[in-house]
Amino acid sequence: MTSPRQADQLVIGGGPAGAMLALRLAAAGREVTLLEKERAAHHKVCGEFLSSEAVAYLRGAGIDALSLGAAAIRIVRLAAGSRLTEASLPFTALSLSRCLLDQALLVRAAEAGCNVVRGARVESLTVRNHLWEAKVPDGGLWRSPTVFLASGKHDLAGFERTRTRHANLVAFKLHWRLADPQTEALCNAIEIFLFTGGYGGLSLVEDNIANLCLVARRPRLREVSGWAGLLASILEENRHVRDRLHHAKPLWTRPLAIFPIPYGYLAPPAQGIWRLGDQAAVIPSFTGDGVSIALHSGALAARMYLAGASAEEFHFNLHRQLRRSMRISMQISGAMISTAGRAIAPRLLSLAPHAIGWIAGSTRIPGHALAPLAK
């Protein structure tokens, strides 16, 4: 076994939350090591939606999403069966693949002085003599007095997130090349579609690639015999999605998938560890707030850590900021995957399209809570 390596601050996970934290701590002069399990940039299950809050955090980190090819989103459409409702978003959003976004953030973290170690999957995390010990595949150890857990949707053994009442959902993501008329029709919009047992979203990312991301109840997935049957049932049930994917070509041989997804999860303060991103809070996908919460949690943790706060104080603060939006989004998510909600939602929104704006505003991070740049 190699000699243990030391880190003043150790970040586990190189997604938006971990990279934002590492970037800010390093920019403040701290010696930070970030362990990322993948050796190269890769795709992840994600709606790839960047709200105005996420765009602002990226801009503060020196990242211009538009220069990376991000697509603008100004309109939201809701499709169920043969019904379609449209409304303007209360802000201009962007959409960019996680492959490009995560790479840009890790590059900025390294430029700020963070020691970014790729291909370092943490196998275990324990405490010995008041130091955290993170074991990596080569048999080596990283030791640090402070650990930030930002491993995204993947739990670390011994630090699993608790299941929630919506934990029976399976998420899928697949990139497509749409026919030219459908690409043009999708431009500037994100389209949310409802189907039996779930809901999904479709929007453009860089290079006019269409990102299809959806969640479905696991029992429904068994009923239709997996992904192929699920997609076929969606196309049969939802005319709008069927039109969008007519003559479209999938860019991967199979979709990415992940299970379970603990929607509604808010991490309790425990074991003195700082949890960030999806390890701290998991909001339903339709809100499009997952990336902004990840970036916000990283920025907030950096600010509070530099101010001398504890992990417990950080989690209490984050809970207080997210409780209302989490409660509202969980109620709406539950309605969207119900039979009654699927039937009623398009009609209600067609009568009151401003409700889409209210939902978008009510599930955002409160403006007063946004973490400023660390000094």
Foldseek 3Di string as FASTA:
>chain_A
DDAAAEFQEEEEAQALQRLLLLLQLLLVPGAYEYEHQAQAQDADQAPQKFDPLNCVLCVVLVDHQVVVFWAKAFKEWEFFFAFIDIDGAPGIITGATRSVVSVVSNVSSVVSPYHYHYNWHFQDWDDDPQWIWTAGDVRYIYIYNAYEYEHAPDDHPPLDFDAAPQQQKKKWKFKKAWDPVLLVVQGNYKYKYFDAFWIWIWHATGPSIIMTMIIGGNVVCVVQVHDVSVVVRCLVRTVVVVVRCVVMGIPDPGIDMDGGQRQLTADADDPQHAYAQSSGHGHDRVLSCRSSRRNQLSLLVSQQVVVPHTSNVSSVLSCVQQVFLSVLRVVLRVLRNDPVSSVCVSVVCNVPVCVVNVNNVRNYGDPVSRHDRHD
